[in-house]
């Protein structure tokens, strides 16, 4: 039981990391578009 809970936590933190990267990428995109236009 404990092992499956730890696995869920690992997957959850992994998901947060990926989401943060997408947010950073989106912000970077907005800056580039702002500079170019």
C-alpha atoms as a PDB file:
ATOM      1  CA  UNK A   1       0.000   0.000   0.000  1.00  0.00           C
ATOM      2  CA  UNK A   2       2.696   2.456   1.037  1.00  0.00           C
ATOM      3  CA  UNK A   3       4.638   1.768  -2.148  1.00  0.00           C
ATOM      4  CA  UNK A   4       1.718   2.707  -4.427  1.00  0.00           C
ATOM      5  CA  UNK A   5       1.228   5.981  -2.518  1.00  0.00           C
ATOM      6  CA  UNK A   6       4.905   6.851  -3.036  1.00  0.00           C
ATOM      7  CA  UNK A   7       4.519   6.051  -6.729  1.00  0.00           C
ATOM      8  CA  UNK A   8       1.559   8.453  -6.946  1.00  0.00           C
ATOM      9  CA  UNK A   9       3.639  11.174  -5.287  1.00  0.00           C
ATOM     10  CA  UNK A  10       6.469  10.607  -7.773  1.00  0.00           C
ATOM     11  CA  UNK A  11       4.060  10.873 -10.718  1.00  0.00           C
ATOM     12  CA  UNK A  12       2.499  13.995  -9.175  1.00  0.00           C
ATOM     13  CA  UNK A  13       5.815  15.808  -8.722  1.00  0.00           C
ATOM     14  CA  UNK A  14       6.887  14.790 -12.234  1.00  0.00           C
ATOM     15  CA  UNK A  15       3.660  16.302 -13.587  1.00  0.00           C
ATOM     16  CA  UNK A  16       4.307  19.572 -11.716  1.00  0.00           C
ATOM     17  CA  UNK A  17       7.834  19.791 -13.155  1.00  0.00           C
ATOM     18  CA  UNK A  18       6.510  19.281 -16.710  1.00  0.00           C
ATOM     19  CA  UNK A  19       3.772  21.872 -16.142  1.00  0.00           C
ATOM     20  CA  UNK A  20       6.352  24.410 -14.875  1.00  0.00           C
ATOM     21  CA  UNK A  21       8.446  23.854 -18.019  1.00  0.00           C
ATOM     22  CA  UNK A  22       5.431  24.453 -20.265  1.00  0.00           C
ATOM     23  CA  UNK A  23       4.580  27.642 -18.332  1.00  0.00           C
ATOM     24  CA  UNK A  24       8.166  28.895 -18.696  1.00  0.00           C
ATOM     25  CA  UNK A  25       8.099  28.031 -22.407  1.00  0.00           C
ATOM     26  CA  UNK A  26       4.814  29.900 -22.854  1.00  0.00           C
ATOM     27  CA  UNK A  27       6.173  32.996 -21.100  1.00  0.00           C
ATOM     28  CA  UNK A  28       9.316  32.832 -23.253  1.00  0.00           C
ATOM     29  CA  UNK A  29       7.141  32.601 -26.385  1.00  0.00           C
ATOM     30  CA  UNK A  30       5.157  35.687 -25.353  1.00  0.00           C
ATOM     31  CA  UNK A  31       8.402  37.637 -24.815  1.00  0.00           C
ATOM     32  CA  UNK A  32       9.775  36.600 -28.235  1.00  0.00           C
ATOM     33  CA  UNK A  33       6.511  37.537 -29.977  1.00  0.00           C
ATOM     34  CA  UNK A  34       6.503  40.871 -28.128  1.00  0.00           C
ATOM     35  CA  UNK A  35      10.084  41.617 -29.209  1.00  0.00           C
ATOM     36  CA  UNK A  36       9.519  40.621 -32.842  1.00  0.00           C
ATOM     37  CA  UNK A  37       6.246  42.473 -33.389  1.00  0.00           C
END
